Amino acid sequence: MKTLIIIVSFVFGLMPACAAHRAQAVGQTGFLQHYEHLKPGEVDGAVMVYRKPDADMRGYKNIVIDPVKVVLRADSDARSLDLEELTELAKTFHEELVKEIAPIYPMASVAGPESMRLRVAITDVVPGSPVRGVLSVLPVGAAIAGATKMATGEYADVGKVEVEMELVDAASGERLGAAVDRRVGTKAPFRGSYDDAMDAFSLWARRIASGLTMARAQT
């Protein structure tokens, strides 16, 4: 059973950074069933995490991956973004999840008694500024002209994306694991406005897939 708990922890809690690093704090949108059991994640993992203590993943044979939703925080700057852009980001994230998870667990369109369900929402996204972001690759201690650092510790000129994720028993709705995470870019030259978000989508999809691979291997 200890091994199974580690699996759920791995799926949602241990998400090491790639081009983007973890933010200091996250908000709440109401997308998750509840938030009271979320705890701070491991160093450089998801910001907030929940793992069902006695989760047993061995009985699940397939997974339903719901379409990724856009459920923006009340204070999200993304409310000013074009709806088509947000819809395309959600579609891209869903495609990334399916690409990484489908080789491990068969996709199910209708939930059954042996199904898991993965629910994901993009709750905030800020496009980076490719021109000003170039300045952030200067050596430590060098002046970063024009880069504005906010009270949250995040620079205003880099890409950011926040998500809420929940893995549940598809039949009962019982939560197996959940996470709220926010990734902040460290912009480099020649990167597009949403490259940091795309990196984060790939990161989350790979780490969830890796955790499910471990679950699939249990006997």
C-alpha atoms as a PDB file:
ATOM      1  CA  MET A   1       0.000   0.000   0.000  1.00  0.00           C
ATOM      2  CA  LYS A   2       2.893   2.360   0.683  1.00  0.00           C
ATOM      3  CA  THR A   3       4.006   1.939  -2.926  1.00  0.00           C
ATOM      4  CA  LEU A   4       0.527   2.893  -4.166  1.00  0.00           C
ATOM      5  CA  ILE A   5       0.529   6.054  -2.075  1.00  0.00           C
ATOM      6  CA  ILE A   6       3.874   6.965  -3.613  1.00  0.00           C
ATOM      7  CA  ILE A   7       2.331   6.512  -7.062  1.00  0.00           C
ATOM      8  CA  VAL A   8      -0.409   9.054  -6.400  1.00  0.00           C
ATOM      9  CA  SER A   9       2.199  11.391  -4.933  1.00  0.00           C
ATOM     10  CA  PHE A  10       4.275  11.029  -8.073  1.00  0.00           C
ATOM     11  CA  VAL A  11       1.341  11.738 -10.388  1.00  0.00           C
ATOM     12  CA  PHE A  12       0.438  15.050  -8.799  1.00  0.00           C
ATOM     13  CA  GLY A  13       3.163  16.094  -6.406  1.00  0.00           C
ATOM     14  CA  LEU A  14       6.529  15.597  -8.026  1.00  0.00           C
ATOM     15  CA  MET A  15       6.660  17.789 -11.102  1.00  0.00           C
ATOM     16  CA  PRO A  16      10.214  19.118 -11.520  1.00  0.00           C
ATOM     17  CA  ALA A  17      10.632  22.313 -13.483  1.00  0.00           C
ATOM     18  CA  CYS A  18      11.630  22.601 -17.105  1.00  0.00           C
ATOM     19  CA  ALA A  19      11.953  25.999 -18.766  1.00  0.00           C
ATOM     20  CA  ALA A  20       9.457  27.380 -16.262  1.00  0.00           C
ATOM     21  CA  HIS A  21       9.762  27.357 -12.492  1.00  0.00           C
ATOM     22  CA  ARG A  22       7.145  26.978  -9.794  1.00  0.00           C
ATOM     23  CA  ALA A  23       5.416  30.100  -8.534  1.00  0.00           C
ATOM     24  CA  GLN A  24       5.073  30.985  -4.870  1.00  0.00           C
ATOM     25  CA  ALA A  25       1.297  30.851  -4.571  1.00  0.00           C
ATOM     26  CA  VAL A  26      -1.896  29.859  -6.362  1.00  0.00           C
ATOM     27  CA  GLY A  27      -5.555  30.837  -6.191  1.00  0.00           C
ATOM     28  CA  GLN A  28      -8.855  28.963  -6.148  1.00  0.00           C
ATOM     29  CA  THR A  29     -11.589  28.984  -8.770  1.00  0.00           C
ATOM     30  CA  GLY A  30     -14.078  26.386  -7.536  1.00  0.00           C
ATOM     31  CA  PHE A  31     -13.169  23.940 -10.300  1.00  0.00           C
ATOM     32  CA  LEU A  32     -11.963  21.307  -7.831  1.00  0.00           C
ATOM     33  CA  GLN A  33     -14.445  19.468  -5.627  1.00  0.00           C
ATOM     34  CA  HIS A  34     -12.893  21.163  -2.607  1.00  0.00           C
ATOM     35  CA  TYR A  35      -9.596  22.690  -1.491  1.00  0.00           C
ATOM     36  CA  GLU A  36      -9.407  22.125   2.259  1.00  0.00           C
ATOM     37  CA  HIS A  37      -7.214  19.003   2.069  1.00  0.00           C
ATOM     38  CA  LEU A  38      -4.621  20.455  -0.298  1.00  0.00           C
ATOM     39  CA  LYS A  39      -1.162  20.737   1.235  1.00  0.00           C
ATOM     40  CA  PRO A  40       2.063  22.402   0.026  1.00  0.00           C
ATOM     41  CA  GLY A  41       3.851  20.164  -2.469  1.00  0.00           C
ATOM     42  CA  GLU A  42       7.414  18.927  -2.449  1.00  0.00           C
ATOM     43  CA  VAL A  43      10.233  21.328  -3.290  1.00  0.00           C
ATOM     44  CA  ASP A  44       9.801  22.312  -6.939  1.00  0.00           C
ATOM     45  CA  GLY A  45       6.728  20.097  -7.220  1.00  0.00           C
ATOM     46  CA  ALA A  46       3.171  21.346  -7.615  1.00  0.00           C
ATOM     47  CA  VAL A  47       2.364  24.284  -5.336  1.00  0.00           C
ATOM     48  CA  MET A  48      -0.558  22.532  -3.602  1.00  0.00           C
ATOM     49  CA  VAL A  49      -1.267  18.783  -3.594  1.00  0.00           C
ATOM     50  CA  TYR A  50      -3.718  16.222  -2.245  1.00  0.00           C
ATOM     51  CA  ARG A  51      -3.183  12.430  -2.269  1.00  0.00           C
ATOM     52  CA  LYS A  52      -5.809   9.986  -1.058  1.00  0.00           C
ATOM     53  CA  PRO A  53      -3.970   8.135   1.745  1.00  0.00           C
ATOM     54  CA  ASP A  54      -5.267   4.649   0.899  1.00  0.00           C
ATOM     55  CA  ALA A  55      -5.525   5.030  -2.885  1.00  0.00           C
ATOM     56  CA  ASP A  56      -5.339   1.667  -4.652  1.00  0.00           C
ATOM     57  CA  MET A  57      -4.766   2.134  -8.382  1.00  0.00           C
ATOM     58  CA  ARG A  58      -4.615  -1.534  -9.357  1.00  0.00           C
ATOM     59  CA  GLY A  59      -8.280  -1.955 -10.243  1.00  0.00           C
ATOM     60  CA  TYR A  60      -8.401   0.694 -12.946  1.00  0.00           C
ATOM     61  CA  LYS A  61      -8.306  -0.484 -16.556  1.00  0.00           C
ATOM     62  CA  ASN A  62      -8.855   2.738 -18.497  1.00  0.00           C
ATOM     63  CA  ILE A  63      -9.135   6.491 -18.130  1.00  0.00           C
ATOM     64  CA  VAL A  64     -11.480   9.243 -19.212  1.00  0.00           C
ATOM     65  CA  ILE A  65      -9.692  12.527 -19.896  1.00  0.00           C
ATOM     66  CA  ASP A  66     -12.253  15.291 -19.874  1.00  0.00           C
ATOM     67  CA  PRO A  67     -11.745  18.176 -22.298  1.00  0.00           C
ATOM     68  CA  VAL A  68      -9.515  20.747 -20.612  1.00  0.00           C
ATOM     69  CA  LYS A  69     -11.613  23.670 -19.425  1.00  0.00           C
ATOM     70  CA  VAL A  70     -10.775  27.334 -19.043  1.00  0.00           C
ATOM     71  CA  VAL A  71     -12.000  28.436 -15.611  1.00  0.00           C
ATOM     72  CA  LEU A  72     -10.267  31.732 -14.964  1.00  0.00           C
ATOM     73  CA  ARG A  73      -9.522  33.130 -11.544  1.00  0.00           C
ATOM     74  CA  ALA A  74     -11.454  36.276 -10.691  1.00  0.00           C
ATOM     75  CA  ASP A  75      -8.211  38.289 -10.757  1.00  0.00           C
ATOM     76  CA  SER A  76      -6.797  36.668 -13.901  1.00  0.00           C
ATOM     77  CA  ASP A  77      -5.381  38.971 -16.547  1.00  0.00           C
ATOM     78  CA  ALA A  78      -6.359  36.280 -19.049  1.00  0.00           C
ATOM     79  CA  ARG A  79      -9.922  37.612 -18.958  1.00  0.00           C
ATOM     80  CA  SER A  80      -8.750  40.195 -21.491  1.00  0.00           C
ATOM     81  CA  LEU A  81      -7.384  37.558 -23.889  1.00  0.00           C
ATOM     82  CA  ASP A  82      -9.140  36.454 -27.029  1.00  0.00           C
ATOM     83  CA  LEU A  83     -11.541  33.563 -26.424  1.00  0.00           C
ATOM     84  CA  GLU A  84     -10.178  31.714 -29.447  1.00  0.00           C
ATOM     85  CA  GLU A  85      -6.657  31.858 -27.985  1.00  0.00           C
ATOM     86  CA  LEU A  86      -7.820  30.419 -24.678  1.00  0.00           C
ATOM     87  CA  THR A  87      -9.823  27.717 -26.434  1.00  0.00           C
ATOM     88  CA  GLU A  88      -6.805  26.751 -28.521  1.00  0.00           C
ATOM     89  CA  LEU A  89      -4.586  26.555 -25.432  1.00  0.00           C
ATOM     90  CA  ALA A  90      -7.084  24.255 -23.722  1.00  0.00           C
ATOM     91  CA  LYS A  91      -7.276  22.077 -26.837  1.00  0.00           C
ATOM     92  CA  THR A  92      -3.490  21.870 -27.048  1.00  0.00           C
ATOM     93  CA  PHE A  93      -3.191  20.871 -23.393  1.00  0.00           C
ATOM     94  CA  HIS A  94      -5.829  18.162 -23.814  1.00  0.00           C
ATOM     95  CA  GLU A  95      -4.032  16.792 -26.872  1.00  0.00           C
ATOM     96  CA  GLU A  96      -0.775  16.697 -24.897  1.00  0.00           C
ATOM     97  CA  LEU A  97      -2.437  14.765 -22.071  1.00  0.00           C
ATOM     98  CA  VAL A  98      -3.951  12.244 -24.474  1.00  0.00           C
ATOM     99  CA  LYS A  99      -0.672  11.815 -26.350  1.00  0.00           C
ATOM    100  CA  GLU A 100       1.275  11.027 -23.178  1.00  0.00           C
ATOM    101  CA  ILE A 101      -1.344   8.955 -21.330  1.00  0.00           C
ATOM    102  CA  ALA A 102      -2.970   6.934 -24.142  1.00  0.00           C
ATOM    103  CA  PRO A 103       0.010   4.544 -24.518  1.00  0.00           C
ATOM    104  CA  ILE A 104      -0.353   3.649 -20.828  1.00  0.00           C
ATOM    105  CA  TYR A 105      -4.101   3.532 -20.189  1.00  0.00           C
ATOM    106  CA  PRO A 106      -6.739   2.984 -22.883  1.00  0.00           C
ATOM    107  CA  MET A 107      -8.907   6.046 -23.430  1.00  0.00           C
ATOM    108  CA  ALA A 108     -12.563   5.602 -22.494  1.00  0.00           C
ATOM    109  CA  SER A 109     -15.323   7.888 -23.726  1.00  0.00           C
ATOM    110  CA  VAL A 110     -17.873   6.485 -21.267  1.00  0.00           C
ATOM    111  CA  ALA A 111     -16.926   5.951 -17.640  1.00  0.00           C
ATOM    112  CA  GLY A 112     -17.241   2.437 -16.265  1.00  0.00           C
ATOM    113  CA  PRO A 113     -16.614   0.750 -12.904  1.00  0.00           C
ATOM    114  CA  GLU A 114     -12.916   0.292 -13.757  1.00  0.00           C
ATOM    115  CA  SER A 115     -12.323   3.826 -15.042  1.00  0.00           C
ATOM    116  CA  MET A 116     -10.436   6.814 -13.705  1.00  0.00           C
ATOM    117  CA  ARG A 117     -11.346  10.335 -14.740  1.00  0.00           C
ATOM    118  CA  LEU A 118      -8.836  13.167 -15.149  1.00  0.00           C
ATOM    119  CA  ARG A 119     -10.271  16.669 -14.803  1.00  0.00           C
ATOM    120  CA  VAL A 120      -8.098  19.655 -15.714  1.00  0.00           C
ATOM    121  CA  ALA A 121      -8.709  23.396 -15.944  1.00  0.00           C
ATOM    122  CA  ILE A 122      -6.503  26.277 -17.015  1.00  0.00           C
ATOM    123  CA  THR A 123      -7.186  28.924 -14.386  1.00  0.00           C
ATOM    124  CA  ASP A 124      -4.751  31.648 -15.419  1.00  0.00           C
ATOM    125  CA  VAL A 125      -2.432  32.303 -18.332  1.00  0.00           C
ATOM    126  CA  VAL A 126      -0.257  35.287 -19.144  1.00  0.00           C
ATOM    127  CA  PRO A 127       1.566  35.490 -22.486  1.00  0.00           C
ATOM    128  CA  GLY A 128       5.235  36.350 -22.323  1.00  0.00           C
ATOM    129  CA  SER A 129       6.852  39.274 -24.076  1.00  0.00           C
ATOM    130  CA  PRO A 130       9.513  37.789 -26.378  1.00  0.00           C
ATOM    131  CA  VAL A 131      11.453  41.050 -26.707  1.00  0.00           C
ATOM    132  CA  ARG A 132      11.576  42.043 -23.050  1.00  0.00           C
ATOM    133  CA  GLY A 133      11.898  38.431 -21.981  1.00  0.00           C
ATOM    134  CA  VAL A 134      15.286  38.228 -23.706  1.00  0.00           C
ATOM    135  CA  LEU A 135      16.632  40.524 -21.015  1.00  0.00           C
ATOM    136  CA  SER A 136      15.903  37.930 -18.325  1.00  0.00           C
ATOM    137  CA  VAL A 137      18.709  35.657 -19.546  1.00  0.00           C
ATOM    138  CA  LEU A 138      21.384  38.137 -18.470  1.00  0.00           C
ATOM    139  CA  PRO A 139      23.901  36.926 -15.840  1.00  0.00           C
ATOM    140  CA  VAL A 140      22.854  37.055 -12.202  1.00  0.00           C
ATOM    141  CA  GLY A 141      23.418  40.547 -10.840  1.00  0.00           C
ATOM    142  CA  ALA A 142      23.164  42.277 -14.200  1.00  0.00           C
ATOM    143  CA  ALA A 143      20.572  45.019 -14.601  1.00  0.00           C
ATOM    144  CA  ILE A 144      17.390  43.839 -16.273  1.00  0.00           C
ATOM    145  CA  ALA A 145      16.168  47.031 -17.870  1.00  0.00           C
ATOM    146  CA  GLY A 146      12.419  47.422 -18.031  1.00  0.00           C
ATOM    147  CA  ALA A 147      11.595  44.137 -16.287  1.00  0.00           C
ATOM    148  CA  THR A 148       9.023  44.807 -13.579  1.00  0.00           C
ATOM    149  CA  LYS A 149       8.963  42.497 -10.577  1.00  0.00           C
ATOM    150  CA  MET A 150       5.590  42.245  -8.873  1.00  0.00           C
ATOM    151  CA  ALA A 151       4.740  41.667  -5.218  1.00  0.00           C
ATOM    152  CA  THR A 152       4.330  37.944  -5.953  1.00  0.00           C
ATOM    153  CA  GLY A 153       7.984  37.692  -6.946  1.00  0.00           C
ATOM    154  CA  GLU A 154       7.060  37.105 -10.588  1.00  0.00           C
ATOM    155  CA  TYR A 155       8.334  39.297 -13.387  1.00  0.00           C
ATOM    156  CA  ALA A 156       5.618  40.999 -15.376  1.00  0.00           C
ATOM    157  CA  ASP A 157       7.258  40.253 -18.734  1.00  0.00           C
ATOM    158  CA  VAL A 158       7.412  36.460 -18.739  1.00  0.00           C
ATOM    159  CA  GLY A 159       4.848  33.801 -19.572  1.00  0.00           C
ATOM    160  CA  LYS A 160       2.801  32.228 -16.780  1.00  0.00           C
ATOM    161  CA  VAL A 161       0.172  29.519 -16.561  1.00  0.00           C
ATOM    162  CA  GLU A 162      -1.837  28.088 -13.666  1.00  0.00           C
ATOM    163  CA  VAL A 163      -3.887  24.897 -13.602  1.00  0.00           C
ATOM    164  CA  GLU A 164      -6.107  22.856 -11.310  1.00  0.00           C
ATOM    165  CA  MET A 165      -6.066  19.064 -11.801  1.00  0.00           C
ATOM    166  CA  GLU A 166      -8.028  16.244 -10.223  1.00  0.00           C
ATOM    167  CA  LEU A 167      -7.925  12.451 -10.670  1.00  0.00           C
ATOM    168  CA  VAL A 168     -11.097  10.719  -9.507  1.00  0.00           C
ATOM    169  CA  ASP A 169     -12.790   7.345  -9.564  1.00  0.00           C
ATOM    170  CA  ALA A 170     -15.014   7.744 -12.624  1.00  0.00           C
ATOM    171  CA  ALA A 171     -17.897   5.726 -11.184  1.00  0.00           C
ATOM    172  CA  SER A 172     -18.082   7.166  -7.670  1.00  0.00           C
ATOM    173  CA  GLY A 173     -16.388  10.538  -8.160  1.00  0.00           C
ATOM    174  CA  GLU A 174     -14.118   9.841  -5.185  1.00  0.00           C
ATOM    175  CA  ARG A 175     -10.961  11.868  -5.401  1.00  0.00           C
ATOM    176  CA  LEU A 176      -7.688   9.966  -5.784  1.00  0.00           C
ATOM    177  CA  GLY A 177      -5.412  12.978  -6.111  1.00  0.00           C
ATOM    178  CA  ALA A 178      -5.446  16.676  -6.924  1.00  0.00           C
ATOM    179  CA  ALA A 179      -3.052  19.518  -7.525  1.00  0.00           C
ATOM    180  CA  VAL A 180      -2.975  23.235  -8.138  1.00  0.00           C
ATOM    181  CA  ASP A 181       0.169  24.470  -9.818  1.00  0.00           C
ATOM    182  CA  ARG A 182       1.508  27.651 -11.406  1.00  0.00           C
ATOM    183  CA  ARG A 183       4.543  27.857 -13.654  1.00  0.00           C
ATOM    184  CA  VAL A 184       6.449  31.037 -14.424  1.00  0.00           C
ATOM    185  CA  GLY A 185       8.695  31.297 -17.454  1.00  0.00           C
ATOM    186  CA  THR A 186      12.311  32.338 -17.715  1.00  0.00           C
ATOM    187  CA  LYS A 187      12.119  33.714 -21.223  1.00  0.00           C
ATOM    188  CA  ALA A 188      14.818  33.114 -23.791  1.00  0.00           C
ATOM    189  CA  PRO A 189      15.373  34.653 -27.236  1.00  0.00           C
ATOM    190  CA  PHE A 190      13.158  33.674 -30.167  1.00  0.00           C
ATOM    191  CA  ARG A 191      10.390  32.170 -28.030  1.00  0.00           C
ATOM    192  CA  GLY A 192       6.724  32.848 -28.725  1.00  0.00           C
ATOM    193  CA  SER A 193       4.213  34.423 -26.372  1.00  0.00           C
ATOM    194  CA  TYR A 194       2.790  31.075 -25.220  1.00  0.00           C
ATOM    195  CA  ASP A 195       5.913  28.901 -25.322  1.00  0.00           C
ATOM    196  CA  ASP A 196       6.183  28.922 -21.525  1.00  0.00           C
ATOM    197  CA  ALA A 197       2.594  27.689 -21.251  1.00  0.00           C
ATOM    198  CA  MET A 198       3.293  24.978 -23.837  1.00  0.00           C
ATOM    199  CA  ASP A 199       6.362  23.854 -21.868  1.00  0.00           C
ATOM    200  CA  ALA A 200       4.245  23.613 -18.729  1.00  0.00           C
ATOM    201  CA  PHE A 201       1.556  21.601 -20.535  1.00  0.00           C
ATOM    202  CA  SER A 202       4.190  19.113 -21.703  1.00  0.00           C
ATOM    203  CA  LEU A 203       5.683  18.923 -18.220  1.00  0.00           C
ATOM    204  CA  TRP A 204       2.385  18.187 -16.506  1.00  0.00           C
ATOM    205  CA  ALA A 205       1.347  15.635 -19.137  1.00  0.00           C
ATOM    206  CA  ARG A 206       4.651  13.746 -18.941  1.00  0.00           C
ATOM    207  CA  ARG A 207       4.703  13.621 -15.165  1.00  0.00           C
ATOM    208  CA  ILE A 208       1.094  12.416 -14.899  1.00  0.00           C
ATOM    209  CA  ALA A 209       1.833   9.779 -17.542  1.00  0.00           C
ATOM    210  CA  SER A 210       4.948   8.669 -15.673  1.00  0.00           C
ATOM    211  CA  GLY A 211       2.996   8.252 -12.454  1.00  0.00           C
ATOM    212  CA  LEU A 212       0.278   6.272 -14.222  1.00  0.00           C
ATOM    213  CA  THR A 213       2.958   4.058 -15.752  1.00  0.00           C
ATOM    214  CA  MET A 214       4.068   3.131 -12.251  1.00  0.00           C
ATOM    215  CA  ALA A 215       0.467   2.436 -11.292  1.00  0.00           C
ATOM    216  CA  ARG A 216      -0.025   0.265 -14.366  1.00  0.00           C
ATOM    217  CA  ALA A 217       3.042  -1.807 -13.457  1.00  0.00           C
ATOM    218  CA  GLN A 218       1.782  -2.794 -10.003  1.00  0.00           C
ATOM    219  CA  THR A 219       0.673  -6.389  -9.476  1.00  0.00           C
END
